[in-house]
Every structure is written in structure tokens, then in C-alpha cells.
Protein backbone atom coordinates (compact mmCIF):
# COMPACT_ATOMS: atom_id res chain seq x y z
CA MET A 1 -33.89 -6.15 -25.61
CA GLN A 2 -32.31 -2.88 -24.50
CA LYS A 3 -28.63 -2.98 -23.52
CA ASN A 4 -27.49 -1.34 -20.31
CA TRP A 5 -25.04 1.32 -21.50
CA LEU A 6 -24.06 2.30 -17.93
CA THR A 7 -21.68 -0.45 -16.87
CA PRO A 8 -19.42 -0.31 -13.78
CA ALA A 9 -16.37 0.00 -16.04
CA LYS A 10 -17.87 3.03 -17.82
CA ILE A 11 -18.77 4.65 -14.50
CA ILE A 12 -15.19 4.22 -13.28
CA LEU A 13 -13.77 5.66 -16.50
CA PHE A 14 -16.14 8.63 -16.28
CA LEU A 15 -15.28 9.37 -12.65
CA ASP A 16 -11.56 8.96 -13.31
CA GLY A 17 -11.78 11.47 -16.15
CA TRP A 18 -13.87 13.85 -14.05
CA PHE A 19 -11.43 13.78 -11.14
CA GLN A 20 -8.44 14.27 -13.44
CA ALA A 21 -10.09 17.21 -15.18
CA ASN A 22 -11.12 18.88 -11.93
CA ALA A 23 -8.08 18.09 -9.80
CA ILE A 24 -6.01 20.76 -11.54
CA LYS A 25 -8.76 23.36 -11.03
CA LEU A 26 -9.08 22.44 -7.36
CA ILE A 27 -5.33 22.64 -6.77
CA GLU A 28 -5.11 26.00 -8.56
CA PHE A 29 -8.00 27.31 -6.42
CA HIS A 30 -6.26 26.13 -3.23
CA LEU A 31 -2.94 27.73 -4.22
CA GLU A 32 -4.72 30.98 -5.08
CA GLY A 33 -6.20 31.05 -1.57
CA ILE A 34 -2.78 30.49 -0.04
CA ARG A 35 -1.36 33.38 -2.09
CA GLU A 36 -4.25 35.68 -1.08
CA GLU A 37 -3.55 34.91 2.58
CA GLY A 38 0.10 35.90 2.03
CA MET A 39 1.31 32.47 3.08
CA PRO A 40 4.28 30.77 1.43
CA LEU A 41 3.45 28.12 -1.13
CA PRO A 42 4.44 24.60 -0.10
CA GLN A 43 7.39 23.02 -1.85
CA PRO A 44 6.48 20.23 -4.27
CA HIS A 45 7.07 16.77 -2.86
CA SER A 46 5.80 13.25 -3.07
CA TYR A 47 5.94 10.13 -0.98
CA SER A 48 4.81 6.57 -1.23
CA GLU A 49 4.11 3.70 1.07
CA PHE A 50 3.49 0.00 0.65
CA VAL A 51 0.52 -1.53 2.40
CA GLU A 52 0.06 -5.25 2.64
CA VAL A 53 -3.52 -6.44 2.32
CA HIS A 54 -4.44 -9.97 3.28
CA ALA A 55 -7.21 -11.34 1.11
């Protein structure tokens, strides 16, 4: 019997790794476009929010 090597957990790990690897490239590309337009770069910031979900 052949085992299914493509489990949901493996798909999630793959996508998580792909997004992490490409997020930096995408952000760099975006900032490069801002610089080329002569616009000021945004100041780094972060925010968070709590959302209550009723199950």
C-alpha cells in the first residue's frame, strides 16, 4: 500500500516556508518602487488587535 506523502500538515509547512522566503523579496521590491517614485519610505511600525471568535 502506497502512503500519501502529501498531508495537510506538510502542505501548511511548505506554504509557510514559501511565504517566509518570498515575503522579504516582495517587501524589498515594493520599497524599491517607492524609492524609484521619489516617495518617502514609511516608518517601521506594528500594531495588534484581539478578536473574539465564538465557536
